[in-house]
Amino acid sequence: MVKKVRVLIVDDSASVRQTLTAVLEGDPAIEVIGTASDPFMAAKRIQEDLPDVITLDVEMPRMDGITFLRKIMSQHPIPVVMCSSLTEAGSETLIQALEAGAVDVILKPRIGAADHLAESALRICEVVKSAAHARVKSVRAQPRGSSSLGTQAKLTADAVLPPPSGKAMARTTEMVICVGASTGGTEALREMLERLPANSPGMVIVQHMPEKFTAAFAKRLNGLCEVEIKEAEDGDPVLRGHVLIAPGDKHMLLERQGARYHVSVRNGPLVSRHRPSVDVLFRSAARSAGSNAMGVIMTGMGDDGARGMLEMHQAGAYTIAQDEASCIVFGMPKEAIAHGGVDKIVPLDQIAREIMAEDHRR
């Protein structure tokens, strides 16, 4: 029998605690072992029964979630998933939480259309299960309706665009870097992007995050890196020295017009249980760029990107995967390697060098 992921829910709203409990316990692989209305009650619960994962509200009485997160990470690191409402201000705070050691971010489930609630429940459960596999490090102190989770079909990139034609794309002078990441990816991407020079090849990134948070994430990275970074908008060109990050809850595709590339941002079903999906981006790169593309798959749980990376590899792209030792969760890279689509496995601190070396070879 597979051991269930044991979760502690920390939120000052009784209705949110009730809804999250219903959502999480709708997944047979998750068990909610308790709830707490504030960090002091949560600390007591943790002492009594250590959870595998904590879901933590950002704004609470007596002590805010970020302060409590820092205390957890400095004293007894446990995978923490931050839970927030869909607000611009909240998204800025969530970025601080990821810097402080949170593994991932989820939106509080909203009551609405049945399909929206089912997708929300699916993401929440996937994030919590991924967090249970995360390798967290000590950081120095500074609605129901989820019963459909087990039967919801896991769609492939076929749901958004057809497979590559099989014809290799002629190599041009410009290369496009396509990157996919999930759990642990926010900090891994920061570390990789900070190492890139201002003249690096154009880059497009899918990082699994909810809507709104990707804009704050891109803004934060733009202030740290030499390359220009922004949340992608439909029709944005892919330019040297620029990085486009797929907006949360939208798929991003690479498209070619003549010798130039741009992105298409569109709606669509969940692919590999994600939107945006790495498989969708990678397939579009295989179709539109072929050997002009380079694929990079980084830390994350699950198999999103594995099939798409194989398609890129078969279309002539150079592909690399982050190594196990430097991953928070060695899931997506492991699956891509198992599918046979990876040319080289490298540690996180070597990815930027690998990108520039491939650029110089062209």
Protein backbone atom coordinates (compact mmCIF):
# COMPACT_ATOMS: atom_id res chain seq x y z
CA MET A 1 0.00 0.00 0.00
CA VAL A 2 1.37 3.40 -1.02
CA LYS A 3 1.96 5.77 1.88
CA LYS A 4 -0.35 8.77 1.77
CA VAL A 5 0.99 12.33 1.78
CA ARG A 6 0.12 13.74 5.23
CA VAL A 7 -0.87 17.41 5.08
CA LEU A 8 -1.39 20.17 7.67
CA ILE A 9 -3.57 23.08 6.50
CA VAL A 10 -2.83 26.49 8.05
CA ASP A 11 -5.35 29.24 7.24
CA ASP A 12 -7.32 31.70 9.37
CA SER A 13 -10.49 31.19 7.30
CA ALA A 14 -12.67 28.31 8.48
CA SER A 15 -14.33 28.05 5.05
CA VAL A 16 -10.94 27.83 3.29
CA ARG A 17 -9.78 25.15 5.73
CA GLN A 18 -12.96 23.19 5.07
CA THR A 19 -12.74 23.57 1.29
CA LEU A 20 -9.05 22.69 1.12
CA THR A 21 -9.65 19.65 3.29
CA ALA A 22 -12.40 18.47 0.94
CA VAL A 23 -10.23 19.08 -2.14
CA LEU A 24 -7.15 17.32 -0.76
CA GLU A 25 -9.03 14.36 0.70
CA GLY A 26 -10.71 13.90 -2.67
CA ASP A 27 -7.34 12.51 -3.79
CA PRO A 28 -6.78 8.97 -2.46
CA ALA A 29 -3.03 9.64 -2.16
CA ILE A 30 -3.47 12.51 0.33
CA GLU A 31 -4.49 12.59 4.00
CA VAL A 32 -5.22 15.81 5.90
CA ILE A 33 -3.91 15.18 9.43
CA GLY A 34 -5.09 18.49 10.85
CA THR A 35 -5.82 22.17 10.40
CA ALA A 36 -4.74 25.32 12.24
CA SER A 37 -6.12 28.86 12.23
CA ASP A 38 -2.82 30.60 12.98
CA PRO A 39 0.94 29.87 13.13
CA PHE A 40 0.99 29.37 16.90
CA MET A 41 -1.64 26.63 16.69
CA ALA A 42 0.22 25.22 13.68
CA ALA A 43 3.49 25.03 15.65
CA LYS A 44 1.70 23.02 18.34
CA ARG A 45 0.22 20.69 15.73
CA ILE A 46 3.65 20.14 14.16
CA GLN A 47 5.12 19.16 17.53
CA GLU A 48 2.31 16.66 18.08
CA ASP A 49 2.31 15.11 14.59
CA LEU A 50 4.90 15.99 11.94
CA PRO A 51 3.26 16.43 8.51
CA ASP A 52 4.85 15.66 5.14
CA VAL A 53 3.61 18.95 3.68
CA ILE A 54 2.16 22.19 5.07
CA THR A 55 -0.20 24.45 3.11
CA LEU A 56 0.27 27.94 4.52
CA ASP A 57 -1.82 31.08 4.09
CA VAL A 58 0.11 34.29 3.48
CA GLU A 59 -1.96 36.67 5.60
CA MET A 60 -2.94 35.53 9.10
CA PRO A 61 -3.43 37.06 12.56
CA ARG A 62 -0.71 37.05 15.27
CA MET A 63 2.05 36.16 12.76
CA ASP A 64 2.12 36.47 8.97
CA GLY A 65 2.78 33.43 6.81
CA ILE A 66 6.20 34.59 5.55
CA THR A 67 7.55 35.05 9.08
CA PHE A 68 6.25 31.62 10.09
CA LEU A 69 7.71 30.09 6.93
CA ARG A 70 11.15 31.48 7.77
CA LYS A 71 10.89 30.03 11.29
CA ILE A 72 9.95 26.62 9.91
CA MET A 73 12.79 26.61 7.38
CA SER A 74 15.38 27.67 9.96
CA GLN A 75 14.29 25.27 12.69
CA HIS A 76 12.78 22.18 11.08
CA PRO A 77 12.53 22.32 7.27
CA ILE A 78 9.27 20.83 5.98
CA PRO A 79 7.97 21.23 2.41
CA VAL A 80 5.65 24.25 2.50
CA VAL A 81 3.14 25.20 -0.21
CA MET A 82 1.94 28.81 0.04
CA CYS A 83 -1.78 29.39 -0.45
CA SER A 84 -3.08 32.77 -1.58
CA SER A 85 -6.01 34.60 -3.10
CA LEU A 86 -5.73 35.84 -6.67
CA THR A 87 -4.40 39.38 -6.15
CA GLU A 88 -1.53 41.43 -7.58
CA ALA A 89 -0.30 42.33 -4.08
CA GLY A 90 -0.52 38.71 -3.03
CA SER A 91 1.55 37.62 -6.01
CA GLU A 92 4.42 39.92 -4.96
CA THR A 93 4.32 38.43 -1.46
CA LEU A 94 4.30 34.91 -2.87
CA ILE A 95 7.56 35.60 -4.69
CA GLN A 96 9.08 36.54 -1.31
CA ALA A 97 7.78 33.23 0.05
CA LEU A 98 9.52 31.27 -2.70
CA GLU A 99 12.75 33.12 -1.88
CA ALA A 100 12.25 32.20 1.79
CA GLY A 101 12.06 28.49 1.00
CA ALA A 102 8.48 27.69 0.00
CA VAL A 103 8.35 24.82 -2.49
CA ASP A 104 5.40 26.02 -4.57
CA VAL A 105 2.31 28.22 -4.76
CA ILE A 106 -1.40 27.43 -5.07
CA LEU A 107 -4.48 29.61 -5.37
CA LYS A 108 -7.24 29.20 -2.84
CA PRO A 109 -9.96 27.14 -4.54
CA ARG A 110 -12.78 29.25 -5.90
CA ILE A 111 -16.36 28.10 -6.11
CA GLY A 112 -17.55 28.42 -9.69
CA ALA A 113 -18.13 26.36 -12.80
CA ALA A 114 -17.64 22.65 -12.26
CA ASP A 115 -14.81 22.35 -14.80
CA HIS A 116 -12.91 25.27 -13.23
CA LEU A 117 -13.26 23.78 -9.76
CA ALA A 118 -12.10 20.37 -11.01
CA GLU A 119 -9.00 21.94 -12.64
CA SER A 120 -8.29 23.96 -9.49
CA ALA A 121 -8.58 20.85 -7.33
CA LEU A 122 -6.35 18.90 -9.72
CA ARG A 123 -3.57 21.50 -9.56
CA ILE A 124 -3.77 21.80 -5.77
CA CYS A 125 -3.44 18.05 -5.31
CA GLU A 126 -0.63 17.73 -7.88
CA VAL A 127 1.34 20.54 -6.21
CA VAL A 128 0.93 19.04 -2.73
CA LYS A 129 2.02 15.58 -3.91
CA SER A 130 5.01 17.10 -5.71
CA ALA A 131 5.99 19.03 -2.59
CA ALA A 132 6.16 15.80 -0.61
CA HIS A 133 9.04 14.70 -2.85
CA ALA A 134 10.94 17.98 -2.61
CA ARG A 135 14.35 18.13 -0.98
CA VAL A 136 14.06 21.19 1.24
CA LYS A 137 17.05 22.84 2.83
CA SER A 138 17.39 24.78 6.05
CA VAL A 139 17.19 28.52 5.43
CA ARG A 140 18.87 30.86 7.85
CA ALA A 141 16.28 32.93 9.69
CA GLN A 142 15.56 36.29 8.33
CA PRO A 143 -15.45 22.87 -2.46
CA ARG A 144 -15.78 19.36 -3.02
CA GLY A 145 -16.16 18.30 -6.64
CA SER A 146 -12.67 16.84 -6.51
CA SER A 147 -13.94 13.30 -6.81
CA SER A 148 -13.28 13.52 -10.54
CA LEU A 149 -9.52 13.67 -9.96
CA GLY A 150 -9.05 9.98 -10.35
CA THR A 151 -10.97 9.73 -13.63
CA GLN A 152 -9.96 12.95 -15.41
CA ALA A 153 -8.13 12.12 -18.61
CA LYS A 154 -4.46 13.09 -18.85
CA LEU A 155 -4.24 14.81 -22.21
CA THR A 156 -1.16 15.05 -24.41
CA ALA A 157 -0.04 17.98 -26.57
CA ASP A 158 -2.29 16.55 -29.31
CA ALA A 159 -5.11 18.44 -27.57
CA VAL A 160 -3.50 21.76 -28.55
CA LEU A 161 -1.51 21.18 -31.76
CA PRO A 162 -0.61 18.29 -34.10
CA PRO A 163 2.70 16.41 -33.89
CA PRO A 164 5.78 17.55 -35.87
CA SER A 165 5.76 16.64 -39.56
CA GLY A 166 9.07 14.81 -39.31
CA LYS A 167 10.82 17.15 -41.72
CA ALA A 168 13.92 18.73 -40.20
CA MET A 169 13.87 22.53 -40.12
CA ALA A 170 16.73 24.24 -41.93
CA ARG A 171 19.20 25.82 -39.51
CA THR A 172 19.22 29.61 -39.41
CA THR A 173 21.61 32.00 -37.67
CA GLU A 174 19.40 32.47 -34.62
CA MET A 175 18.79 29.87 -31.94
CA VAL A 176 15.81 29.77 -29.57
CA ILE A 177 16.16 28.33 -26.06
CA CYS A 178 13.05 26.53 -24.78
CA VAL A 179 12.95 25.81 -21.05
CA GLY A 180 10.54 23.84 -18.87
CA ALA A 181 10.45 23.69 -15.07
CA SER A 182 8.08 23.03 -12.19
CA THR A 183 8.59 22.33 -8.47
CA GLY A 184 11.75 24.13 -7.34
CA GLY A 185 11.99 25.88 -10.69
CA THR A 186 11.49 29.45 -9.53
CA GLU A 187 14.83 29.57 -7.72
CA ALA A 188 16.56 27.28 -10.22
CA LEU A 189 15.54 29.58 -13.07
CA ARG A 190 16.79 32.61 -11.16
CA GLU A 191 20.18 30.98 -10.68
CA MET A 192 20.40 29.98 -14.35
CA LEU A 193 19.21 33.32 -15.75
CA GLU A 194 21.53 35.35 -13.52
CA ARG A 195 24.45 33.59 -15.21
CA LEU A 196 23.41 34.57 -18.75
CA PRO A 197 25.02 37.56 -20.50
CA ALA A 198 22.93 40.34 -22.04
CA ASN A 199 23.55 39.00 -25.58
CA SER A 200 22.33 35.46 -24.93
CA PRO A 201 19.95 33.76 -27.38
CA GLY A 202 16.23 34.46 -27.17
CA MET A 203 14.52 32.26 -24.60
CA VAL A 204 10.97 31.06 -23.89
CA ILE A 205 10.11 29.47 -20.54
CA VAL A 206 7.23 27.46 -19.11
CA GLN A 207 7.28 27.41 -15.31
CA HIS A 208 4.25 25.80 -13.69
CA MET A 209 2.65 28.65 -11.72
CA PRO A 210 -0.89 29.99 -11.28
CA GLU A 211 -2.16 33.01 -13.20
CA LYS A 212 -1.01 36.42 -11.94
CA PHE A 213 2.07 35.02 -10.20
CA THR A 214 4.06 34.68 -13.43
CA ALA A 215 3.94 38.45 -14.00
CA ALA A 216 5.39 39.14 -10.54
CA PHE A 217 7.94 36.36 -11.04
CA ALA A 218 9.09 37.82 -14.37
CA LYS A 219 9.30 41.32 -12.91
CA ARG A 220 11.43 40.10 -10.02
CA LEU A 221 13.82 38.23 -12.35
CA ASN A 222 14.07 41.23 -14.67
CA GLY A 223 15.48 43.26 -11.80
CA LEU A 224 18.16 40.64 -11.09
CA CYS A 225 19.40 39.60 -14.52
CA GLU A 226 21.26 41.13 -17.47
CA VAL A 227 18.73 39.74 -19.95
CA GLU A 228 15.32 41.41 -20.35
CA ILE A 229 12.57 39.26 -18.84
CA LYS A 230 8.79 39.66 -19.10
CA GLU A 231 5.58 37.68 -18.95
CA ALA A 232 4.73 36.70 -22.52
CA GLU A 233 1.89 38.31 -24.44
CA ASP A 234 0.39 36.91 -27.60
CA GLY A 235 2.52 37.86 -30.61
CA ASP A 236 5.64 38.86 -28.63
CA PRO A 237 8.81 38.41 -30.75
CA VAL A 238 11.58 36.14 -29.51
CA LEU A 239 14.66 38.33 -29.52
CA ARG A 240 18.30 37.92 -28.53
CA GLY A 241 18.86 39.06 -24.96
CA HIS A 242 15.16 38.66 -24.10
CA VAL A 243 13.28 36.02 -22.10
CA LEU A 244 9.53 35.37 -22.29
CA ILE A 245 7.79 33.50 -19.46
CA ALA A 246 4.46 31.81 -20.22
CA PRO A 247 1.58 33.41 -18.31
CA GLY A 248 -0.08 31.21 -15.71
CA ASP A 249 -3.22 29.40 -16.93
CA LYS A 250 -2.29 29.91 -20.62
CA HIS A 251 -0.38 27.72 -23.06
CA MET A 252 2.56 29.29 -24.89
CA LEU A 253 3.66 28.11 -28.35
CA LEU A 254 6.68 29.03 -30.42
CA GLU A 255 5.81 30.05 -33.99
CA ARG A 256 7.97 31.00 -36.96
CA GLN A 257 7.38 33.61 -39.64
CA GLY A 258 10.22 33.69 -42.15
CA ALA A 259 13.46 33.70 -40.17
CA ARG A 260 11.85 35.25 -37.10
CA TYR A 261 10.11 33.70 -34.14
CA HIS A 262 7.24 34.88 -31.96
CA VAL A 263 5.01 33.31 -29.32
CA SER A 264 1.35 32.47 -29.42
CA VAL A 265 -0.41 32.63 -26.05
CA ARG A 266 -3.71 30.78 -26.02
CA ASN A 267 -6.33 28.96 -24.00
CA GLY A 268 -6.76 25.21 -24.15
CA PRO A 269 -7.25 22.12 -22.01
CA LEU A 270 -4.76 20.97 -19.40
CA VAL A 271 -1.94 19.04 -21.07
CA SER A 272 0.01 16.57 -18.94
CA ARG A 273 -2.25 18.02 -16.20
CA HIS A 274 -0.78 21.50 -16.65
CA ARG A 275 -1.55 24.84 -18.28
CA PRO A 276 0.92 26.16 -19.32
CA SER A 277 2.40 22.85 -20.39
CA VAL A 278 6.05 22.20 -21.19
CA ASP A 279 4.98 19.51 -23.68
CA VAL A 280 3.00 22.11 -25.66
CA LEU A 281 5.94 24.52 -25.79
CA PHE A 282 8.45 21.80 -26.71
CA ARG A 283 6.21 20.33 -29.43
CA SER A 284 5.71 23.78 -30.94
CA ALA A 285 9.50 24.23 -30.95
CA ALA A 286 9.95 20.88 -32.70
CA ARG A 287 7.41 21.95 -35.34
CA SER A 288 8.53 25.56 -35.82
CA ALA A 289 12.25 25.61 -35.02
CA GLY A 290 13.65 22.09 -35.39
CA SER A 291 17.45 22.20 -35.14
CA ASN A 292 17.34 25.95 -34.50
CA ALA A 293 16.00 25.23 -31.02
CA MET A 294 17.65 24.06 -27.83
CA GLY A 295 15.60 22.33 -25.13
CA VAL A 296 16.28 22.56 -21.40
CA ILE A 297 14.28 20.61 -18.81
CA MET A 298 14.74 21.42 -15.15
CA THR A 299 13.59 20.46 -11.67
CA GLY A 300 9.97 19.39 -11.30
CA MET A 301 7.60 16.54 -10.47
CA GLY A 302 5.84 14.45 -13.09
CA ASP A 303 6.48 13.92 -16.79
CA ASP A 304 5.43 17.18 -18.46
CA GLY A 305 7.99 17.93 -21.15
CA ALA A 306 9.33 14.39 -21.58
CA ARG A 307 7.44 13.64 -24.80
CA GLY A 308 7.96 17.14 -26.14
CA MET A 309 11.69 16.99 -25.51
CA LEU A 310 11.91 13.72 -27.42
CA GLU A 311 10.11 15.42 -30.33
CA MET A 312 12.60 18.31 -30.19
CA HIS A 313 15.49 15.84 -30.12
CA GLN A 314 14.08 13.97 -33.12
CA ALA A 315 13.67 17.27 -34.97
CA GLY A 316 17.38 18.01 -34.55
CA ALA A 317 17.38 20.24 -31.46
CA TYR A 318 20.14 19.99 -28.85
CA THR A 319 18.59 18.98 -25.53
CA ILE A 320 19.85 19.02 -21.94
CA ALA A 321 18.44 18.02 -18.56
CA GLN A 322 19.29 19.25 -15.07
CA ASP A 323 21.06 16.56 -13.05
CA GLU A 324 19.56 14.81 -10.03
CA ALA A 325 21.96 16.26 -7.47
CA SER A 326 20.96 19.86 -8.19
CA CYS A 327 17.18 19.25 -8.58
CA ILE A 328 14.68 19.94 -5.81
CA VAL A 329 12.58 17.21 -7.45
CA PHE A 330 14.20 14.94 -10.05
CA GLY A 331 10.96 14.03 -11.82
CA MET A 332 10.63 15.85 -15.13
CA PRO A 333 14.33 15.52 -16.06
CA LYS A 334 14.28 11.83 -15.10
CA GLU A 335 11.26 11.17 -17.32
CA ALA A 336 12.79 13.08 -20.24
CA ILE A 337 15.98 11.02 -19.90
CA ALA A 338 13.94 7.79 -19.74
CA HIS A 339 12.08 8.76 -22.93
CA GLY A 340 15.43 9.07 -24.74
CA GLY A 341 15.15 12.73 -25.66
CA VAL A 342 18.10 14.14 -23.68
CA ASP A 343 21.53 14.70 -25.25
CA LYS A 344 23.35 15.76 -22.08
CA ILE A 345 22.76 15.87 -18.31
CA VAL A 346 24.31 18.83 -16.50
CA PRO A 347 24.23 20.42 -13.00
CA LEU A 348 22.22 23.61 -12.53
CA ASP A 349 25.29 25.84 -12.35
CA GLN A 350 26.44 24.62 -15.79
CA ILE A 351 23.20 25.15 -17.75
CA ALA A 352 23.89 28.78 -18.70
CA ARG A 353 27.41 27.83 -19.86
CA GLU A 354 25.95 25.01 -21.96
CA ILE A 355 23.50 27.43 -23.60
CA MET A 356 26.23 29.91 -24.52
CA ALA A 357 28.55 27.14 -25.75
CA GLU A 358 25.83 25.86 -28.08
CA ASP A 359 25.19 29.42 -29.27
CA HIS A 360 28.89 29.90 -30.08
CA ARG A 361 29.00 26.62 -32.03
CA ARG A 362 26.50 28.02 -34.55
